[in-house]
């Protein structure tokens, strides 16, 4: 019976996908109207005249673009239990995301509407597309293994037992409808464990006896789990444990560095991989063509999009473009207004359009330098603060530095990590102490990094390479970038710069 219901739901979502794919402008106009109408009686909606029936142009003129820090005073009141501030009613769930310049974590409101109309609707879309793309694989005949985080009490109102904060994956799992819970594994009591070492071990022991056909999650943690399941089962590879495994829905980090490793972990030519673009703030795009890594922008999922051109990234009041105004291959910063009460919110991601009919995108990066090879989301502010703390602790100074990932090695069971190339004016007497303070400060500043470093399960301690004096200057000279406003990129998800420096060293 459940599979008959799923088949009907798949066909319905395929029809809806075709509808918004063919009529994206109408879909976005309807989303904006719905958002403004729903929020018109909130404090925010009253302040900006949402009841006036604003056009897209009037909306952009009246409501300022906002960073998390700028919106936080309102979010804090929502966290503390005030109703009708940014969105109607009282919000009970908050996604805990990576840190900002003034906080260890961000707290993103997650409303009933955002769960139902954004995250779950997009999840159904991805399932529908996957079954449509690979009908011969019968991917819904088994279980979907999804790895998520955990949630706990809202620290801003501990007296309210119904209010929680946590990873968006944990919030999604905790609130899944019955039909969705029926087709996933592991059970919630394992999926939501907060001790990662115990979590991986108990999940691995449980799922080795389950018919898993789909994997869903961040590549970093999935690698750890697949290795443990294979080891527990005494198998050569995971296909001996799950012979019907056919699909991995992956997101959060670039998949390219992991592709070859997954081919070795899952040596089956029938294995498929599809990317999703989801975040604490919403589910924005998905891969709808197996032969292309372009992602279909989801335009009828409770998110209204605007786009900041590259020359406006640092403007105090940037001039945004609507979907109709974007151009191919240009870099834009993403601005979203959502059914969780985020209004003209600068999420920090940059994208470029690879198709305008339908609208397909690729993630270009962040508006600032960042390091996110394993879901750790280390931003430049984190890195600079950690280097400063390490300098102070070891009584030294740094001339220049850069950091890049150490990706999982396909040939062994090594962990990923970060390599830091640092040029000192005076090297520290104890380089290990410098690296340790760097690591501990990053863990204190960034909860995502801290989670990945927990007991060294996913991320190894940082590897410090001390560069001789003049190394960065020689690299800049070789690139023709000496002088002026040229700077060494502090963080990168590519090892290109770091490997060039190592060759100089």
Protein backbone atom coordinates (compact mmCIF):
# COMPACT_ATOMS: atom_id res chain seq x y z
CA UNK A 1 0.00 0.00 0.00
CA UNK A 2 2.76 2.46 0.94
CA UNK A 3 4.52 1.94 -2.39
CA UNK A 4 1.28 2.58 -4.31
CA UNK A 5 0.89 5.87 -2.45
CA UNK A 6 4.51 6.74 -3.21
CA UNK A 7 4.03 6.01 -6.92
CA UNK A 8 1.02 8.31 -7.03
CA UNK A 9 2.93 11.04 -5.19
CA UNK A 10 5.86 10.69 -7.59
CA UNK A 11 3.67 11.22 -10.65
CA UNK A 12 2.01 14.24 -9.05
CA UNK A 13 5.35 15.87 -8.21
CA UNK A 14 6.69 15.23 -11.72
CA UNK A 15 3.73 17.16 -13.08
CA UNK A 16 4.31 20.01 -10.62
CA UNK A 17 8.03 20.12 -11.53
CA UNK A 18 7.15 20.45 -15.21
CA UNK A 19 4.76 23.26 -14.35
CA UNK A 20 7.24 25.46 -12.47
CA UNK A 21 10.07 24.56 -14.85
CA UNK A 22 7.98 25.89 -17.75
CA UNK A 23 6.55 28.91 -15.88
CA UNK A 24 9.24 30.11 -13.46
CA UNK A 25 8.36 33.82 -13.46
CA UNK A 26 4.73 33.15 -12.64
CA UNK A 27 5.80 30.77 -9.89
CA UNK A 28 8.11 33.35 -8.31
CA UNK A 29 5.46 36.07 -8.51
CA UNK A 30 3.01 33.76 -6.73
CA UNK A 31 5.58 32.97 -4.03
CA UNK A 32 6.21 36.67 -3.36
CA UNK A 33 2.47 37.43 -3.18
CA UNK A 34 1.94 34.55 -0.76
CA UNK A 35 4.84 35.57 1.48
CA UNK A 36 3.74 39.19 1.69
CA UNK A 37 0.09 38.31 2.28
CA UNK A 38 0.90 35.79 5.02
CA UNK A 39 3.28 38.12 6.86
CA UNK A 40 1.35 41.37 6.48
CA UNK A 41 0.14 41.46 10.10
CA UNK A 42 3.54 40.67 11.62
CA UNK A 43 5.66 43.40 13.13
CA UNK A 44 8.01 43.25 10.15
CA UNK A 45 5.18 43.20 7.60
CA UNK A 46 3.49 46.17 9.25
CA UNK A 47 6.72 48.16 9.28
CA UNK A 48 7.25 47.76 5.54
CA UNK A 49 3.64 47.90 4.37
CA UNK A 50 3.17 44.35 3.17
CA UNK A 51 -0.59 44.89 3.19
CA UNK A 52 -0.17 47.36 0.30
CA UNK A 53 0.23 44.50 -2.15
CA UNK A 54 3.81 45.35 -3.07
CA UNK A 55 5.23 44.63 -6.50
CA UNK A 56 8.65 43.06 -6.77
CA UNK A 57 10.14 46.48 -7.45
CA UNK A 58 8.37 48.10 -4.47
CA UNK A 59 9.42 45.21 -2.24
CA UNK A 60 13.08 45.74 -3.19
CA UNK A 61 12.80 49.49 -2.66
CA UNK A 62 11.14 49.31 0.76
CA UNK A 63 12.84 46.38 2.46
CA UNK A 64 16.62 46.51 3.04
CA UNK A 65 18.91 43.61 2.20
CA UNK A 66 20.16 42.12 5.45
CA UNK A 67 22.98 39.93 6.71
CA UNK A 68 22.42 37.57 9.61
CA UNK A 69 24.01 40.08 11.96
CA UNK A 70 21.62 42.81 10.81
CA UNK A 71 18.58 40.58 11.14
CA UNK A 72 19.69 39.01 14.41
CA UNK A 73 17.99 41.47 16.82
CA UNK A 74 14.66 40.32 15.38
CA UNK A 75 15.69 36.66 15.27
CA UNK A 76 16.77 36.88 18.91
CA UNK A 77 13.28 38.02 19.92
CA UNK A 78 11.81 35.07 17.99
CA UNK A 79 14.29 32.76 19.77
CA UNK A 80 13.10 34.16 23.09
CA UNK A 81 9.51 33.26 22.27
CA UNK A 82 7.94 36.43 20.85
CA UNK A 83 5.22 35.76 18.30
CA UNK A 84 4.43 37.59 15.07
CA UNK A 85 7.83 39.27 14.73
CA UNK A 86 9.08 38.07 11.33
CA UNK A 87 6.46 35.39 10.59
CA UNK A 88 2.98 34.73 12.01
CA UNK A 89 2.82 32.83 15.27
CA UNK A 90 5.53 31.54 17.57
CA UNK A 91 8.44 29.64 16.01
CA UNK A 92 9.46 26.51 17.94
CA UNK A 93 12.31 25.12 15.84
CA UNK A 94 15.63 26.75 14.98
CA UNK A 95 18.41 25.40 12.82
CA UNK A 96 21.85 25.85 14.33
CA UNK A 97 24.25 26.71 11.56
CA UNK A 98 27.87 27.77 11.22
CA UNK A 99 29.23 30.71 13.20
CA UNK A 100 29.35 34.38 12.28
CA UNK A 101 31.66 37.21 13.22
CA UNK A 102 29.80 37.80 16.48
CA UNK A 103 28.53 34.35 17.44
CA UNK A 104 29.62 30.72 17.55
CA UNK A 105 26.45 29.63 15.77
CA UNK A 106 23.63 31.08 13.74
CA UNK A 107 20.06 30.29 14.71
CA UNK A 108 17.80 30.12 11.67
CA UNK A 109 14.02 29.96 12.26
CA UNK A 110 12.35 26.84 10.85
CA UNK A 111 8.58 27.19 10.59
CA UNK A 112 5.94 24.60 9.79
CA UNK A 113 5.54 26.24 6.39
CA UNK A 114 9.25 26.07 5.59
CA UNK A 115 9.34 22.39 6.51
CA UNK A 116 6.26 21.44 4.51
CA UNK A 117 6.50 23.77 1.51
CA UNK A 118 10.28 23.93 1.13
CA UNK A 119 12.29 21.07 2.63
CA UNK A 120 9.73 18.26 2.32
CA UNK A 121 8.36 19.39 -1.04
CA UNK A 122 11.89 19.53 -2.45
CA UNK A 123 12.64 16.13 -0.96
CA UNK A 124 9.60 14.71 -2.74
CA UNK A 125 10.76 16.39 -5.95
CA UNK A 126 14.18 14.79 -5.68
CA UNK A 127 12.63 11.38 -5.04
CA UNK A 128 10.26 11.82 -7.98
CA UNK A 129 13.05 12.85 -10.33
CA UNK A 130 15.31 10.00 -9.24
CA UNK A 131 12.64 7.38 -9.83
CA UNK A 132 11.85 8.99 -13.19
CA UNK A 133 15.53 9.10 -14.23
CA UNK A 134 16.31 5.54 -13.10
CA UNK A 135 13.07 3.55 -13.37
CA UNK A 136 14.91 0.25 -13.82
CA UNK A 137 16.68 0.53 -10.46
CA UNK A 138 13.58 0.33 -8.21
CA UNK A 139 15.24 2.65 -5.71
CA UNK A 140 12.08 2.93 -3.60
CA UNK A 141 11.97 -0.83 -3.02
CA UNK A 142 14.33 -0.52 -0.04
CA UNK A 143 15.29 2.01 2.61
CA UNK A 144 16.88 5.43 2.36
CA UNK A 145 19.79 5.75 4.77
CA UNK A 146 19.99 9.37 5.88
CA UNK A 147 22.65 10.74 8.20
CA UNK A 148 21.81 13.81 10.21
CA UNK A 149 22.80 15.75 13.26
CA UNK A 150 21.04 16.24 16.56
CA UNK A 151 18.83 18.73 18.35
CA UNK A 152 18.35 19.91 21.91
CA UNK A 153 16.52 22.47 24.04
CA UNK A 154 16.37 26.09 22.93
CA UNK A 155 18.95 27.82 25.18
CA UNK A 156 17.00 31.08 24.93
CA UNK A 157 13.90 29.60 26.60
CA UNK A 158 14.81 26.51 28.55
CA UNK A 159 11.41 26.60 30.27
CA UNK A 160 9.70 25.82 26.95
CA UNK A 161 9.94 22.07 26.40
CA UNK A 162 8.48 22.44 22.89
CA UNK A 163 11.22 24.71 21.55
CA UNK A 164 14.40 23.19 20.11
CA UNK A 165 17.56 24.07 18.23
CA UNK A 166 19.72 21.72 16.18
CA UNK A 167 21.01 20.73 12.79
CA UNK A 168 18.46 21.22 10.04
CA UNK A 169 18.81 17.54 9.13
CA UNK A 170 17.76 16.56 12.67
CA UNK A 171 14.81 18.96 12.58
CA UNK A 172 13.68 17.51 9.26
CA UNK A 173 13.94 13.94 10.56
CA UNK A 174 12.19 14.71 13.84
CA UNK A 175 9.18 16.15 12.00
CA UNK A 176 8.95 13.74 9.07
CA UNK A 177 5.47 12.53 8.10
CA UNK A 178 4.74 8.87 8.83
CA UNK A 179 5.05 7.74 5.21
CA UNK A 180 8.53 9.24 4.92
CA UNK A 181 9.68 7.72 8.21
CA UNK A 182 8.50 4.33 6.92
CA UNK A 183 11.00 4.32 4.03
CA UNK A 184 14.06 5.64 5.87
CA UNK A 185 16.66 4.17 8.22
CA UNK A 186 18.07 4.21 10.91
CA UNK A 187 15.32 4.75 13.50
CA UNK A 188 15.17 8.15 15.14
CA UNK A 189 16.61 6.97 18.45
CA UNK A 190 19.85 6.23 16.57
CA UNK A 191 19.69 8.96 13.92
CA UNK A 192 19.45 11.73 16.52
CA UNK A 193 22.12 10.57 18.95
CA UNK A 194 24.39 13.47 19.88
CA UNK A 195 27.59 11.49 20.60
CA UNK A 196 29.07 11.04 17.14
CA UNK A 197 31.37 8.10 17.85
CA UNK A 198 28.55 6.13 19.46
CA UNK A 199 26.17 7.28 16.74
CA UNK A 200 28.31 6.01 13.87
CA UNK A 201 28.97 2.70 15.63
CA UNK A 202 25.33 2.00 16.53
CA UNK A 203 24.02 3.09 13.14
CA UNK A 204 26.60 0.92 11.38
CA UNK A 205 25.59 -2.12 13.42
CA UNK A 206 21.91 -1.51 12.70
CA UNK A 207 21.99 -0.73 8.98
CA UNK A 208 24.25 -3.60 7.93
CA UNK A 209 21.15 -5.79 8.17
CA UNK A 210 18.86 -3.39 6.25
CA UNK A 211 18.15 -3.38 2.50
CA UNK A 212 19.53 0.08 1.73
CA UNK A 213 18.90 1.39 -1.79
CA UNK A 214 19.51 5.15 -1.32
CA UNK A 215 22.08 7.12 0.65
CA UNK A 216 21.41 10.74 1.61
CA UNK A 217 23.78 13.07 3.41
CA UNK A 218 27.11 14.82 3.50
CA UNK A 219 29.95 12.86 1.82
CA UNK A 220 32.25 13.37 4.82
CA UNK A 221 30.16 11.41 7.30
CA UNK A 222 28.92 8.93 4.72
CA UNK A 223 32.51 7.82 4.05
CA UNK A 224 33.06 7.15 7.75
CA UNK A 225 29.84 5.14 7.97
CA UNK A 226 30.40 3.10 4.81
CA UNK A 227 33.87 2.12 5.96
CA UNK A 228 32.57 1.02 9.35
CA UNK A 229 29.65 -0.96 7.91
CA UNK A 230 31.99 -2.74 5.50
CA UNK A 231 34.42 -3.51 8.33
CA UNK A 232 31.71 -4.85 10.66
CA UNK A 233 30.28 -7.06 7.92
CA UNK A 234 33.72 -8.43 7.05
CA UNK A 235 33.00 -7.50 3.43
CA UNK A 236 35.33 -6.48 0.62
CA UNK A 237 33.17 -3.47 -0.15
CA UNK A 238 29.72 -2.11 0.61
CA UNK A 239 28.05 -3.78 -2.39
CA UNK A 240 28.40 -7.10 -0.56
CA UNK A 241 26.37 -5.63 2.30
CA UNK A 242 23.83 -3.68 0.23
CA UNK A 243 23.58 -5.31 -3.21
CA UNK A 244 20.60 -3.12 -4.15
CA UNK A 245 22.27 0.20 -3.34
CA UNK A 246 21.81 2.45 -6.38
CA UNK A 247 21.73 6.16 -5.46
CA UNK A 248 23.54 8.74 -3.33
CA UNK A 249 21.84 12.10 -2.82
CA UNK A 250 24.67 14.35 -1.65
CA UNK A 251 25.05 17.99 -0.70
CA UNK A 252 26.70 20.56 1.60
CA UNK A 253 30.20 20.20 0.13
CA UNK A 254 31.70 19.94 -3.36
CA UNK A 255 31.55 16.31 -4.46
CA UNK A 256 34.42 16.34 -6.97
CA UNK A 257 37.21 15.45 -4.50
CA UNK A 258 35.16 12.51 -3.21
CA UNK A 259 34.00 11.03 -6.50
CA UNK A 260 36.87 8.58 -7.02
CA UNK A 261 36.78 7.46 -3.39
CA UNK A 262 33.07 6.65 -3.62
CA UNK A 263 33.71 4.67 -6.77
CA UNK A 264 36.14 2.56 -4.78
CA UNK A 265 33.83 2.28 -1.77
CA UNK A 266 30.87 1.38 -4.04
CA UNK A 267 32.36 -0.41 -7.08
CA UNK A 268 29.11 -0.86 -8.99
CA UNK A 269 28.55 0.71 -12.40
CA UNK A 270 24.85 0.96 -11.62
CA UNK A 271 25.50 3.38 -8.73
CA UNK A 272 24.12 6.88 -9.38
CA UNK A 273 24.90 10.24 -7.80
CA UNK A 274 22.66 13.31 -7.70
CA UNK A 275 23.47 16.61 -6.01
CA UNK A 276 21.16 18.74 -3.91
CA UNK A 277 21.56 22.34 -2.78
CA UNK A 278 20.03 22.67 0.64
CA UNK A 279 20.94 24.72 3.69
CA UNK A 280 19.58 25.70 7.08
CA UNK A 281 17.67 28.48 5.32
CA UNK A 282 15.99 26.29 2.73
CA UNK A 283 16.20 23.77 -0.09
CA UNK A 284 17.09 25.73 -3.20
CA UNK A 285 18.04 23.48 -6.11
CA UNK A 286 18.58 19.92 -7.23
CA UNK A 287 20.23 18.00 -10.04
CA UNK A 288 17.59 17.00 -12.56
CA UNK A 289 19.89 15.81 -15.36
CA UNK A 290 22.28 12.90 -14.71
CA UNK A 291 24.63 13.96 -17.51
CA UNK A 292 25.04 17.49 -16.15
CA UNK A 293 26.07 18.86 -12.75
CA UNK A 294 23.82 21.90 -13.24
CA UNK A 295 21.11 22.30 -10.58
CA UNK A 296 17.49 23.16 -11.28
CA UNK A 297 16.44 26.21 -9.25
CA UNK A 298 13.31 25.46 -7.20
CA UNK A 299 11.03 28.44 -7.73
CA UNK A 300 7.75 27.38 -6.11
CA UNK A 301 9.01 26.17 -2.73
CA UNK A 302 8.30 29.15 -0.47
CA UNK A 303 11.52 31.01 -1.35
CA UNK A 304 11.60 34.26 -3.34
CA UNK A 305 14.97 34.91 -4.96
CA UNK A 306 16.90 38.04 -5.78
CA UNK A 307 20.44 38.29 -7.09
CA UNK A 308 23.26 40.75 -6.35
CA UNK A 309 25.73 41.29 -9.24
CA UNK A 310 29.42 40.92 -8.41
CA UNK A 311 30.10 44.66 -8.57
CA UNK A 312 27.48 45.20 -5.86
CA UNK A 313 28.68 42.54 -3.37
CA UNK A 314 30.15 45.08 -0.96
CA UNK A 315 27.59 47.85 -1.49
CA UNK A 316 25.71 49.03 1.59
CA UNK A 317 22.45 49.06 -0.36
CA UNK A 318 23.04 46.67 -3.29
CA UNK A 319 20.90 46.85 -6.41
CA UNK A 320 19.37 43.41 -6.83
CA UNK A 321 18.05 41.67 -9.91
CA UNK A 322 14.95 39.52 -10.21
CA UNK A 323 14.94 36.14 -11.92
CA UNK A 324 13.87 37.72 -15.23
CA UNK A 325 16.91 40.01 -15.23
CA UNK A 326 19.79 37.56 -14.65
CA UNK A 327 22.28 36.65 -17.35
CA UNK A 328 24.18 33.50 -18.17
CA UNK A 329 27.54 32.72 -16.55
CA UNK A 330 27.70 35.85 -14.40
CA UNK A 331 28.38 35.53 -10.68
CA UNK A 332 25.58 36.58 -8.31
CA UNK A 333 25.19 36.64 -4.56
CA UNK A 334 21.97 34.98 -3.49
CA UNK A 335 19.30 36.96 -1.61
CA UNK A 336 16.27 35.08 -0.26
CA UNK A 337 12.92 35.87 1.32
CA UNK A 338 11.34 32.78 2.85
CA UNK A 339 8.33 31.32 4.60
CA UNK A 340 10.46 31.14 7.75
CA UNK A 341 10.56 34.95 8.02
CA UNK A 342 13.95 35.66 6.47
CA UNK A 343 13.45 38.88 4.50
CA UNK A 344 15.87 39.87 1.72
CA UNK A 345 18.45 37.80 3.55
CA UNK A 346 21.98 37.63 2.14
CA UNK A 347 22.77 33.98 2.65
CA UNK A 348 26.42 34.41 1.65
CA UNK A 349 26.43 31.95 -1.26
CA UNK A 350 27.26 32.90 -4.82
CA UNK A 351 25.87 31.18 -7.89
CA UNK A 352 26.00 31.47 -11.66
CA UNK A 353 23.31 30.58 -14.16
CA UNK A 354 24.12 27.90 -16.72
CA UNK A 355 20.65 27.91 -18.29
CA UNK A 356 17.77 30.39 -18.39
CA UNK A 357 15.13 28.06 -19.81
CA UNK A 358 14.74 26.41 -17.42
CA UNK A 359 16.75 28.19 -14.73
CA UNK A 360 19.70 26.06 -13.78
CA UNK A 361 22.63 27.11 -11.64
CA UNK A 362 25.98 26.07 -10.27
CA UNK A 363 27.25 27.05 -6.86
CA UNK A 364 30.17 29.42 -7.38
CA UNK A 365 31.30 29.78 -3.76
CA UNK A 366 30.80 32.34 -1.03
CA UNK A 367 30.88 36.11 -1.00
CA UNK A 368 33.89 35.75 1.30
CA UNK A 369 36.74 33.25 1.40
CA UNK A 370 35.78 30.07 3.17
CA UNK A 371 36.82 26.46 3.74
CA UNK A 372 34.03 23.90 3.45
CA UNK A 373 35.43 20.64 2.09
CA UNK A 374 33.82 18.53 4.83
CA UNK A 375 30.82 20.63 5.94
CA UNK A 376 32.93 22.62 8.45
CA UNK A 377 32.15 26.06 6.95
CA UNK A 378 35.22 27.88 8.27
CA UNK A 379 35.00 31.52 7.19
CA UNK A 380 37.80 34.05 6.98
CA UNK A 381 36.83 35.66 10.29
CA UNK A 382 37.24 32.28 12.03
CA UNK A 383 40.65 31.73 10.45
CA UNK A 384 42.04 35.16 11.26
CA UNK A 385 40.83 35.01 14.86
CA UNK A 386 42.37 31.55 15.31
CA UNK A 387 45.73 32.64 13.86
CA UNK A 388 45.72 35.71 16.11
CA UNK A 389 45.03 33.57 19.19
CA UNK A 390 47.80 31.14 18.25
CA UNK A 391 50.24 34.02 17.74
CA UNK A 392 49.40 35.47 21.13
CA UNK A 393 49.73 32.10 22.88
CA UNK A 394 53.12 31.32 21.33
CA UNK A 395 54.43 34.91 21.33
CA UNK A 396 55.06 35.10 17.62
CA UNK A 397 53.73 36.97 14.60
CA UNK A 398 52.57 35.80 11.19
CA UNK A 399 53.55 37.44 7.92
CA UNK A 400 51.10 35.49 5.73
CA UNK A 401 49.10 32.27 5.66
CA UNK A 402 46.70 30.18 3.64
CA UNK A 403 44.80 26.95 4.29
CA UNK A 404 43.27 24.23 2.12
CA UNK A 405 41.79 20.76 2.58
CA UNK A 406 43.59 17.48 2.89
CA UNK A 407 41.05 15.27 1.17
CA UNK A 408 40.33 11.67 2.08
CA UNK A 409 42.85 9.36 0.45
CA UNK A 410 41.22 6.78 -1.78
CA UNK A 411 43.93 4.24 -1.02
CA UNK A 412 43.55 4.04 2.77
CA UNK A 413 41.31 4.91 5.69
CA UNK A 414 42.87 8.28 6.47
CA UNK A 415 40.72 11.17 7.57
CA UNK A 416 40.34 14.50 5.89
CA UNK A 417 41.85 17.62 7.40
CA UNK A 418 43.24 21.09 6.83
CA UNK A 419 46.76 22.02 5.90
CA UNK A 420 47.98 25.47 6.89
CA UNK A 421 51.00 27.03 5.21
CA UNK A 422 52.18 29.84 7.50
CA UNK A 423 55.05 32.26 7.01
CA UNK A 424 56.19 33.76 10.31
CA UNK A 425 58.24 36.87 10.94
CA UNK A 426 59.67 34.78 13.75
CA UNK A 427 58.76 31.08 13.89
CA UNK A 428 57.31 29.87 17.20
CA UNK A 429 59.52 27.87 19.55
CA UNK A 430 56.80 25.22 19.67
CA UNK A 431 55.06 24.73 16.32
CA UNK A 432 52.82 22.00 17.79
CA UNK A 433 51.53 24.46 20.39
CA UNK A 434 50.72 26.98 17.65
CA UNK A 435 48.75 24.34 15.71
CA UNK A 436 46.93 23.22 18.87
CA UNK A 437 45.78 26.74 19.79
CA UNK A 438 44.74 27.30 16.17
CA UNK A 439 42.65 24.13 16.30
CA UNK A 440 41.10 24.80 19.70
CA UNK A 441 40.19 28.37 18.77
CA UNK A 442 38.49 27.23 15.57
CA UNK A 443 36.54 24.65 17.58
CA UNK A 444 35.44 27.36 19.99
CA UNK A 445 34.43 29.78 17.23
CA UNK A 446 32.74 27.40 14.82
CA UNK A 447 30.34 24.68 15.90
CA UNK A 448 30.42 22.93 12.51
CA UNK A 449 34.21 22.63 12.62
CA UNK A 450 33.96 21.45 16.23
CA UNK A 451 31.51 18.71 15.25
CA UNK A 452 33.78 17.46 12.47
CA UNK A 453 36.81 17.49 14.82
CA UNK A 454 35.00 15.59 17.58
CA UNK A 455 37.27 12.70 18.56
CA UNK A 456 39.05 13.10 15.20
CA UNK A 457 36.29 11.07 13.53
CA UNK A 458 35.94 13.13 10.34
CA UNK A 459 38.67 15.76 10.56
CA UNK A 460 42.23 15.19 11.71
CA UNK A 461 44.07 17.94 13.65
CA UNK A 462 45.41 20.70 11.40
CA UNK A 463 48.72 20.08 9.66
CA UNK A 464 51.03 23.09 10.02
CA UNK A 465 53.68 23.72 7.36
CA UNK A 466 56.08 26.56 8.17
CA UNK A 467 57.08 28.46 5.04
CA UNK A 468 60.54 30.05 4.77
CA UNK A 469 60.73 33.83 4.66
CA UNK A 470 59.75 35.23 1.28
CA UNK A 471 57.68 32.23 0.15
CA UNK A 472 54.42 34.13 -0.33
CA UNK A 473 56.21 37.06 -1.96
CA UNK A 474 57.78 34.71 -4.49
CA UNK A 475 54.39 33.19 -5.22
CA UNK A 476 52.82 36.63 -5.71
CA UNK A 477 55.66 37.65 -8.00
CA UNK A 478 55.23 34.52 -10.08
CA UNK A 479 51.55 35.41 -10.49
CA UNK A 480 52.29 39.04 -11.37
CA UNK A 481 50.43 40.16 -8.25
CA UNK A 482 53.07 41.95 -6.23
CA UNK A 483 51.98 45.31 -4.85
CA UNK A 484 48.71 47.16 -5.21
CA UNK A 485 45.62 45.63 -3.64
CA UNK A 486 46.57 42.02 -4.37
CA UNK A 487 46.27 39.65 -1.42
CA UNK A 488 46.92 35.98 -0.83
CA UNK A 489 43.61 34.04 -0.55
CA UNK A 490 43.38 32.92 3.06
CA UNK A 491 41.08 29.94 2.56
CA UNK A 492 40.25 27.76 -0.42
CA UNK A 493 38.45 24.49 -1.11
CA UNK A 494 41.02 23.82 -3.83
CA UNK A 495 44.62 22.79 -3.13
CA UNK A 496 45.93 24.60 -6.22
CA UNK A 497 47.41 27.60 -4.38
CA UNK A 498 48.67 25.55 -1.45
CA UNK A 499 50.37 23.00 -3.70
CA UNK A 500 52.04 25.81 -5.63
CA UNK A 501 53.39 27.16 -2.36
CA UNK A 502 54.64 23.73 -1.35
CA UNK A 503 56.54 23.46 -4.63
CA UNK A 504 58.19 26.83 -3.87
CA UNK A 505 59.06 25.64 -0.36
